[in-house]
Amino acid sequence: MFQMKHLLKKHIILKMTGGKVLEGILADVGNDILVLLSSDQYYYIPLLHIHKIRVNSSKSEAFSTSGPLISSAEKEKAISYRSILTQAKGLLTQIHVSGKQDLRGYITHVMSDYFVFYSPIYKTIYIPLFHLKWLTLCNEDNIPLTLEEAAAPAPLSRSWEEQLKKFEGRLVVFDLGTDSDKVGMLKKIDGSAVELVTTKGETLYHKLNHLKSVYVP
């Protein structure tokens, strides 16, 4: 676990999962998440995706921003990944899960090991907690829809695996369809493997923990 309290208000450079580099001022830190102030925006980053931290002592920035901030109702408690997700529910949010594409929309539910995200483009997306790289709040002056417009999903299972089992026999899109091998009929969830019949009729098996998101078109 990173020990970073001594780095608060210092300019840092983060090397992230996938080789992505983020830099800015360390605004806050908890046991499993940190808050980075970068370009007048707060980024909430789970520590599990941070590979390396470097202090940029040659750079100094004023600690101020006009960007929206998730404020804790319990000031005396350290921030946590789950508390940030819960407080972000219903707020216009931008998240990064994989690749080069960010998603804008709303966190609607936070379950035991996944959360539900409503996107104007993809509608309801199910995302394992493990795969969220960061989130940031969007400015409220350009809201594409309200939370009331989001279609409420059917009753949710508590776990990611159990939720996927509800989609057996249906057409699903994993990882936003960036790979054609991850689009098709979900035939079966068997332990750590997902059996998928692609749109080309080929049967493939994917490791469950490598699938970063799913939606049902």
C-alpha atoms as a PDB file:
ATOM      1  CA  MET A   1       0.000   0.000   0.000  1.00  0.00           C
ATOM      2  CA  PHE A   2       1.270   3.459  -0.899  1.00  0.00           C
ATOM      3  CA  GLN A   3       2.022   5.784   2.023  1.00  0.00           C
ATOM      4  CA  MET A   4       1.306   9.242   0.607  1.00  0.00           C
ATOM      5  CA  LYS A   5       0.113  11.579   3.328  1.00  0.00           C
ATOM      6  CA  HIS A   6       3.481  13.352   3.188  1.00  0.00           C
ATOM      7  CA  LEU A   7       2.886  14.065  -0.507  1.00  0.00           C
ATOM      8  CA  LEU A   8      -0.317  16.043   0.008  1.00  0.00           C
ATOM      9  CA  LYS A   9      -0.343  19.322  -1.966  1.00  0.00           C
ATOM     10  CA  LYS A  10       2.774  18.286  -3.879  1.00  0.00           C
ATOM     11  CA  HIS A  11       2.892  18.004  -7.651  1.00  0.00           C
ATOM     12  CA  ILE A  12       3.133  14.321  -8.600  1.00  0.00           C
ATOM     13  CA  ILE A  13       3.311  12.208 -11.755  1.00  0.00           C
ATOM     14  CA  LEU A  14       1.436   8.894 -11.807  1.00  0.00           C
ATOM     15  CA  LYS A  15       2.129   5.950 -14.082  1.00  0.00           C
ATOM     16  CA  MET A  16      -1.113   4.020 -14.464  1.00  0.00           C
ATOM     17  CA  THR A  17      -2.271   0.615 -15.676  1.00  0.00           C
ATOM     18  CA  GLY A  18      -1.952   0.507 -19.459  1.00  0.00           C
ATOM     19  CA  GLY A  19       0.957   2.972 -19.460  1.00  0.00           C
ATOM     20  CA  LYS A  20      -1.225   6.062 -19.048  1.00  0.00           C
ATOM     21  CA  VAL A  21       0.484   8.991 -17.274  1.00  0.00           C
ATOM     22  CA  LEU A  22      -1.419  11.529 -15.177  1.00  0.00           C
ATOM     23  CA  GLU A  23       0.025  14.470 -13.287  1.00  0.00           C
ATOM     24  CA  GLY A  24      -1.199  17.142 -10.940  1.00  0.00           C
ATOM     25  CA  ILE A  25      -1.445  18.042  -7.266  1.00  0.00           C
ATOM     26  CA  LEU A  26      -2.260  15.360  -4.703  1.00  0.00           C
ATOM     27  CA  ALA A  27      -5.406  16.788  -3.088  1.00  0.00           C
ATOM     28  CA  ASP A  28      -6.428  13.888  -0.825  1.00  0.00           C
ATOM     29  CA  VAL A  29      -5.669  10.230  -0.196  1.00  0.00           C
ATOM     30  CA  GLY A  30      -7.418   7.294   1.452  1.00  0.00           C
ATOM     31  CA  ASN A  31      -6.605   3.623   1.957  1.00  0.00           C
ATOM     32  CA  ASP A  32      -7.683   2.652  -1.581  1.00  0.00           C
ATOM     33  CA  ILE A  33      -8.111   5.883  -3.565  1.00  0.00           C
ATOM     34  CA  LEU A  34      -6.468   9.246  -4.145  1.00  0.00           C
ATOM     35  CA  VAL A  35      -7.674  12.588  -5.463  1.00  0.00           C
ATOM     36  CA  LEU A  36      -5.551  14.324  -8.075  1.00  0.00           C
ATOM     37  CA  LEU A  37      -6.108  17.958  -9.027  1.00  0.00           C
ATOM     38  CA  SER A  38      -5.136  18.288 -12.685  1.00  0.00           C
ATOM     39  CA  SER A  39      -6.033  21.112 -15.095  1.00  0.00           C
ATOM     40  CA  ASP A  40      -8.657  22.516 -12.722  1.00  0.00           C
ATOM     41  CA  GLN A  41     -10.359  19.126 -12.412  1.00  0.00           C
ATOM     42  CA  TYR A  42     -10.442  16.563  -9.596  1.00  0.00           C
ATOM     43  CA  TYR A  43      -9.688  12.960 -10.601  1.00  0.00           C
ATOM     44  CA  TYR A  44     -10.597  10.112  -8.249  1.00  0.00           C
ATOM     45  CA  ILE A  45      -8.143   7.258  -8.882  1.00  0.00           C
ATOM     46  CA  PRO A  46      -8.236   3.811  -7.221  1.00  0.00           C
ATOM     47  CA  LEU A  47      -4.766   2.974  -5.896  1.00  0.00           C
ATOM     48  CA  LEU A  48      -4.795  -0.510  -7.417  1.00  0.00           C
ATOM     49  CA  HIS A  49      -4.210   1.038 -10.868  1.00  0.00           C
ATOM     50  CA  ILE A  50      -1.243   3.187  -9.818  1.00  0.00           C
ATOM     51  CA  HIS A  51       2.079   1.529 -10.667  1.00  0.00           C
ATOM     52  CA  LYS A  52       4.520   4.325  -9.883  1.00  0.00           C
ATOM     53  CA  ILE A  53       4.535   7.799  -8.306  1.00  0.00           C
ATOM     54  CA  ARG A  54       7.143  10.462  -8.963  1.00  0.00           C
ATOM     55  CA  VAL A  55       7.307  13.842  -7.217  1.00  0.00           C
ATOM     56  CA  ASN A  56       7.897  16.698  -9.637  1.00  0.00           C
ATOM     57  CA  SER A  57       9.778  19.041  -7.336  1.00  0.00           C
ATOM     58  CA  SER A  58      10.583  21.435 -10.195  1.00  0.00           C
ATOM     59  CA  LYS A  59       6.932  22.300 -10.692  1.00  0.00           C
ATOM     60  CA  SER A  60       4.777  24.352  -8.367  1.00  0.00           C
ATOM     61  CA  GLU A  61       1.073  25.083  -8.801  1.00  0.00           C
ATOM     62  CA  ALA A  62      -1.494  27.017  -6.838  1.00  0.00           C
ATOM     63  CA  PHE A  63      -3.944  24.745  -5.046  1.00  0.00           C
ATOM     64  CA  SER A  64      -7.182  26.104  -6.487  1.00  0.00           C
ATOM     65  CA  THR A  65      -9.821  24.925  -8.920  1.00  0.00           C
ATOM     66  CA  SER A  66     -13.184  25.772 -10.369  1.00  0.00           C
ATOM     67  CA  GLY A  67     -13.973  22.131 -11.124  1.00  0.00           C
ATOM     68  CA  PRO A  68     -16.661  20.199  -9.214  1.00  0.00           C
ATOM     69  CA  LEU A  69     -15.603  18.254  -6.130  1.00  0.00           C
ATOM     70  CA  ILE A  70     -17.162  15.270  -4.366  1.00  0.00           C
ATOM     71  CA  SER A  71     -17.340  16.412  -0.760  1.00  0.00           C
ATOM     72  CA  SER A  72     -17.627  13.937   2.076  1.00  0.00           C
ATOM     73  CA  ALA A  73     -20.542  14.212   4.469  1.00  0.00           C
ATOM     74  CA  GLU A  74     -18.284  12.783   7.178  1.00  0.00           C
ATOM     75  CA  LYS A  75     -15.297  15.096   7.205  1.00  0.00           C
ATOM     76  CA  GLU A  76     -13.506  13.223   9.971  1.00  0.00           C
ATOM     77  CA  LYS A  77     -13.349   9.986   7.968  1.00  0.00           C
ATOM     78  CA  ALA A  78     -10.774   9.198   5.281  1.00  0.00           C
ATOM     79  CA  ILE A  79     -12.114   8.934   1.755  1.00  0.00           C
ATOM     80  CA  SER A  80     -12.595   5.489   0.241  1.00  0.00           C
ATOM     81  CA  TYR A  81     -13.271   4.151  -3.233  1.00  0.00           C
ATOM     82  CA  ARG A  82     -16.766   2.934  -2.316  1.00  0.00           C
ATOM     83  CA  SER A  83     -17.720   6.173  -0.574  1.00  0.00           C
ATOM     84  CA  ILE A  84     -16.656   8.201  -3.626  1.00  0.00           C
ATOM     85  CA  LEU A  85     -18.739   6.009  -5.939  1.00  0.00           C
ATOM     86  CA  THR A  86     -21.733   6.292  -3.619  1.00  0.00           C
ATOM     87  CA  GLN A  87     -21.464  10.076  -3.364  1.00  0.00           C
ATOM     88  CA  ALA A  88     -21.116  10.368  -7.148  1.00  0.00           C
ATOM     89  CA  LYS A  89     -24.460   8.620  -7.750  1.00  0.00           C
ATOM     90  CA  GLY A  90     -26.803  10.867  -9.696  1.00  0.00           C
ATOM     91  CA  LEU A  91     -24.064  13.361 -10.652  1.00  0.00           C
ATOM     92  CA  LEU A  92     -22.920  13.826 -14.232  1.00  0.00           C
ATOM     93  CA  THR A  93     -19.661  11.863 -14.300  1.00  0.00           C
ATOM     94  CA  GLN A  94     -16.880  10.993 -16.711  1.00  0.00           C
ATOM     95  CA  ILE A  95     -15.188   7.641 -16.171  1.00  0.00           C
ATOM     96  CA  HIS A  96     -12.296   5.772 -17.749  1.00  0.00           C
ATOM     97  CA  VAL A  97     -12.372   1.983 -17.861  1.00  0.00           C
ATOM     98  CA  SER A  98     -10.197   0.866 -20.780  1.00  0.00           C
ATOM     99  CA  GLY A  99      -8.644   1.908 -24.067  1.00  0.00           C
ATOM    100  CA  LYS A 100      -8.768   5.520 -25.184  1.00  0.00           C
ATOM    101  CA  GLN A 101     -12.485   6.045 -24.674  1.00  0.00           C
ATOM    102  CA  ASP A 102     -14.018   7.803 -21.680  1.00  0.00           C
ATOM    103  CA  LEU A 103     -17.699   7.481 -20.810  1.00  0.00           C
ATOM    104  CA  ARG A 104     -20.051  10.234 -19.684  1.00  0.00           C
ATOM    105  CA  GLY A 105     -23.184   9.535 -17.744  1.00  0.00           C
ATOM    106  CA  TYR A 106     -24.413   8.586 -14.296  1.00  0.00           C
ATOM    107  CA  ILE A 107     -23.542   6.015 -11.657  1.00  0.00           C
ATOM    108  CA  THR A 108     -26.941   4.619 -10.666  1.00  0.00           C
ATOM    109  CA  HIS A 109     -26.118   1.659  -8.399  1.00  0.00           C
ATOM    110  CA  VAL A 110     -23.068   0.473  -6.440  1.00  0.00           C
ATOM    111  CA  MET A 111     -23.118  -3.254  -5.702  1.00  0.00           C
ATOM    112  CA  SER A 112     -20.653  -5.554  -3.905  1.00  0.00           C
ATOM    113  CA  ASP A 113     -18.057  -5.861  -6.700  1.00  0.00           C
ATOM    114  CA  TYR A 114     -19.500  -3.872  -9.622  1.00  0.00           C
ATOM    115  CA  PHE A 115     -21.439  -0.704 -10.346  1.00  0.00           C
ATOM    116  CA  VAL A 116     -24.109   0.281 -12.865  1.00  0.00           C
ATOM    117  CA  PHE A 117     -23.461   3.230 -15.169  1.00  0.00           C
ATOM    118  CA  TYR A 118     -26.046   4.903 -17.394  1.00  0.00           C
ATOM    119  CA  SER A 119     -24.625   6.303 -20.651  1.00  0.00           C
ATOM    120  CA  PRO A 120     -26.677   8.278 -23.195  1.00  0.00           C
ATOM    121  CA  ILE A 121     -25.018   6.195 -25.954  1.00  0.00           C
ATOM    122  CA  TYR A 122     -24.777   2.690 -24.496  1.00  0.00           C
ATOM    123  CA  LYS A 123     -27.604   2.974 -21.939  1.00  0.00           C
ATOM    124  CA  THR A 124     -27.095   0.642 -18.947  1.00  0.00           C
ATOM    125  CA  ILE A 125     -23.514  -0.633 -18.534  1.00  0.00           C
ATOM    126  CA  TYR A 126     -22.301  -3.010 -15.816  1.00  0.00           C
ATOM    127  CA  ILE A 127     -18.686  -2.427 -14.729  1.00  0.00           C
ATOM    128  CA  PRO A 128     -16.609  -4.422 -12.197  1.00  0.00           C
ATOM    129  CA  LEU A 129     -15.147  -2.189  -9.475  1.00  0.00           C
ATOM    130  CA  PHE A 130     -11.707  -3.613 -10.222  1.00  0.00           C
ATOM    131  CA  HIS A 131     -11.633  -2.131 -13.727  1.00  0.00           C
ATOM    132  CA  LEU A 132     -12.458   1.531 -13.098  1.00  0.00           C
ATOM    133  CA  LYS A 133      -9.257   3.535 -13.693  1.00  0.00           C
ATOM    134  CA  TRP A 134     -10.576   6.938 -12.620  1.00  0.00           C
ATOM    135  CA  LEU A 135     -13.615   9.164 -12.473  1.00  0.00           C
ATOM    136  CA  THR A 136     -14.174  12.894 -12.493  1.00  0.00           C
ATOM    137  CA  LEU A 137     -17.280  15.048 -12.209  1.00  0.00           C
ATOM    138  CA  CYS A 138     -18.455  17.006 -15.238  1.00  0.00           C
ATOM    139  CA  ASN A 139     -19.388  20.665 -15.107  1.00  0.00           C
ATOM    140  CA  GLU A 140     -23.117  21.077 -14.638  1.00  0.00           C
ATOM    141  CA  ASP A 141     -23.498  23.632 -17.459  1.00  0.00           C
ATOM    142  CA  ASN A 142     -23.582  20.932 -20.165  1.00  0.00           C
ATOM    143  CA  ILE A 143     -25.774  18.095 -18.902  1.00  0.00           C
ATOM    144  CA  PRO A 144     -27.033  15.808 -21.714  1.00  0.00           C
ATOM    145  CA  LEU A 145     -29.795  14.174 -19.654  1.00  0.00           C
ATOM    146  CA  THR A 146     -31.144  13.919 -16.145  1.00  0.00           C
ATOM    147  CA  LEU A 147     -30.974  10.856 -13.945  1.00  0.00           C
ATOM    148  CA  GLU A 148     -34.758  10.522 -14.133  1.00  0.00           C
ATOM    149  CA  GLU A 149     -34.388   9.769 -17.858  1.00  0.00           C
ATOM    150  CA  ALA A 150     -32.165   6.762 -17.174  1.00  0.00           C
ATOM    151  CA  ALA A 151     -33.991   3.484 -17.623  1.00  0.00           C
ATOM    152  CA  ALA A 152     -34.045   1.599 -14.334  1.00  0.00           C
ATOM    153  CA  PRO A 153     -32.523  -1.889 -14.741  1.00  0.00           C
ATOM    154  CA  ALA A 154     -34.293  -5.038 -13.603  1.00  0.00           C
ATOM    155  CA  PRO A 155     -33.552  -6.184 -10.019  1.00  0.00           C
ATOM    156  CA  LEU A 156     -29.788  -6.402  -9.657  1.00  0.00           C
ATOM    157  CA  SER A 157     -27.692  -9.252  -8.290  1.00  0.00           C
ATOM    158  CA  ARG A 158     -25.155  -8.348  -5.657  1.00  0.00           C
ATOM    159  CA  SER A 159     -22.149  -9.793  -7.500  1.00  0.00           C
ATOM    160  CA  TRP A 160     -20.787  -9.258 -11.018  1.00  0.00           C
ATOM    161  CA  GLU A 161     -20.768 -12.997 -11.767  1.00  0.00           C
ATOM    162  CA  GLU A 162     -24.379 -13.486 -10.662  1.00  0.00           C
ATOM    163  CA  GLN A 163     -25.476 -10.468 -12.675  1.00  0.00           C
ATOM    164  CA  LEU A 164     -23.827 -11.882 -15.806  1.00  0.00           C
ATOM    165  CA  LYS A 165     -25.656 -15.179 -15.317  1.00  0.00           C
ATOM    166  CA  LYS A 166     -28.908 -13.258 -15.795  1.00  0.00           C
ATOM    167  CA  PHE A 167     -27.762 -12.484 -19.346  1.00  0.00           C
ATOM    168  CA  GLU A 168     -27.197 -16.111 -20.366  1.00  0.00           C
ATOM    169  CA  GLY A 169     -28.923 -16.782 -23.680  1.00  0.00           C
ATOM    170  CA  ARG A 170     -28.920 -13.096 -24.644  1.00  0.00           C
ATOM    171  CA  LEU A 171     -26.863 -10.951 -26.992  1.00  0.00           C
ATOM    172  CA  VAL A 172     -24.252  -9.036 -24.993  1.00  0.00           C
ATOM    173  CA  VAL A 173     -21.451  -6.596 -25.735  1.00  0.00           C
ATOM    174  CA  PHE A 174     -18.316  -6.788 -23.595  1.00  0.00           C
ATOM    175  CA  ASP A 175     -15.785  -3.944 -23.396  1.00  0.00           C
ATOM    176  CA  LEU A 176     -17.982  -1.632 -25.510  1.00  0.00           C
ATOM    177  CA  GLY A 177     -17.592  -3.851 -28.580  1.00  0.00           C
ATOM    178  CA  THR A 178     -14.063  -2.686 -29.425  1.00  0.00           C
ATOM    179  CA  ASP A 179     -13.196  -6.342 -30.113  1.00  0.00           C
ATOM    180  CA  SER A 180     -15.592  -8.361 -32.298  1.00  0.00           C
ATOM    181  CA  ASP A 181     -14.625 -11.473 -30.314  1.00  0.00           C
ATOM    182  CA  LYS A 182     -16.420  -9.944 -27.323  1.00  0.00           C
ATOM    183  CA  VAL A 183     -19.809  -9.480 -28.995  1.00  0.00           C
ATOM    184  CA  GLY A 184     -22.288 -12.326 -29.223  1.00  0.00           C
ATOM    185  CA  MET A 185     -24.646 -14.603 -27.322  1.00  0.00           C
ATOM    186  CA  LEU A 186     -23.624 -15.250 -23.741  1.00  0.00           C
ATOM    187  CA  LYS A 187     -24.042 -19.006 -23.535  1.00  0.00           C
ATOM    188  CA  LYS A 188     -22.763 -19.787 -20.057  1.00  0.00           C
ATOM    189  CA  ILE A 189     -20.842 -18.506 -17.040  1.00  0.00           C
ATOM    190  CA  ASP A 190     -18.780 -21.360 -15.626  1.00  0.00           C
ATOM    191  CA  GLY A 191     -16.582 -20.354 -12.715  1.00  0.00           C
ATOM    192  CA  SER A 192     -13.903 -18.029 -14.069  1.00  0.00           C
ATOM    193  CA  ALA A 193     -14.799 -18.614 -17.739  1.00  0.00           C
ATOM    194  CA  VAL A 194     -17.380 -16.956 -19.981  1.00  0.00           C
ATOM    195  CA  GLU A 195     -18.629 -18.984 -22.949  1.00  0.00           C
ATOM    196  CA  LEU A 196     -19.603 -16.685 -25.806  1.00  0.00           C
ATOM    197  CA  VAL A 197     -20.942 -17.510 -29.274  1.00  0.00           C
ATOM    198  CA  THR A 198     -19.798 -14.647 -31.493  1.00  0.00           C
ATOM    199  CA  THR A 199     -21.798 -13.060 -34.302  1.00  0.00           C
ATOM    200  CA  LYS A 200     -19.713 -15.220 -36.678  1.00  0.00           C
ATOM    201  CA  GLY A 201     -20.941 -18.380 -34.962  1.00  0.00           C
ATOM    202  CA  GLU A 202     -17.616 -19.148 -33.283  1.00  0.00           C
ATOM    203  CA  THR A 203     -17.586 -20.330 -29.670  1.00  0.00           C
ATOM    204  CA  LEU A 204     -14.984 -18.526 -27.553  1.00  0.00           C
ATOM    205  CA  TYR A 205     -14.065 -18.596 -23.893  1.00  0.00           C
ATOM    206  CA  HIS A 206     -13.021 -15.441 -22.032  1.00  0.00           C
ATOM    207  CA  LYS A 207     -11.587 -15.145 -18.545  1.00  0.00           C
ATOM    208  CA  LEU A 208     -14.191 -13.436 -16.399  1.00  0.00           C
ATOM    209  CA  ASN A 209     -11.761 -11.171 -14.568  1.00  0.00           C
ATOM    210  CA  HIS A 210     -10.445  -9.709 -17.851  1.00  0.00           C
ATOM    211  CA  LEU A 211     -13.850  -8.467 -19.007  1.00  0.00           C
ATOM    212  CA  LYS A 212     -14.127  -4.799 -18.104  1.00  0.00           C
ATOM    213  CA  SER A 213     -17.770  -3.990 -18.874  1.00  0.00           C
ATOM    214  CA  VAL A 214     -20.940  -5.383 -20.398  1.00  0.00           C
ATOM    215  CA  TYR A 215     -24.179  -4.043 -21.792  1.00  0.00           C
ATOM    216  CA  VAL A 216     -27.193  -5.688 -23.391  1.00  0.00           C
ATOM    217  CA  PRO A 217     -28.177  -3.945 -26.653  1.00  0.00           C
END
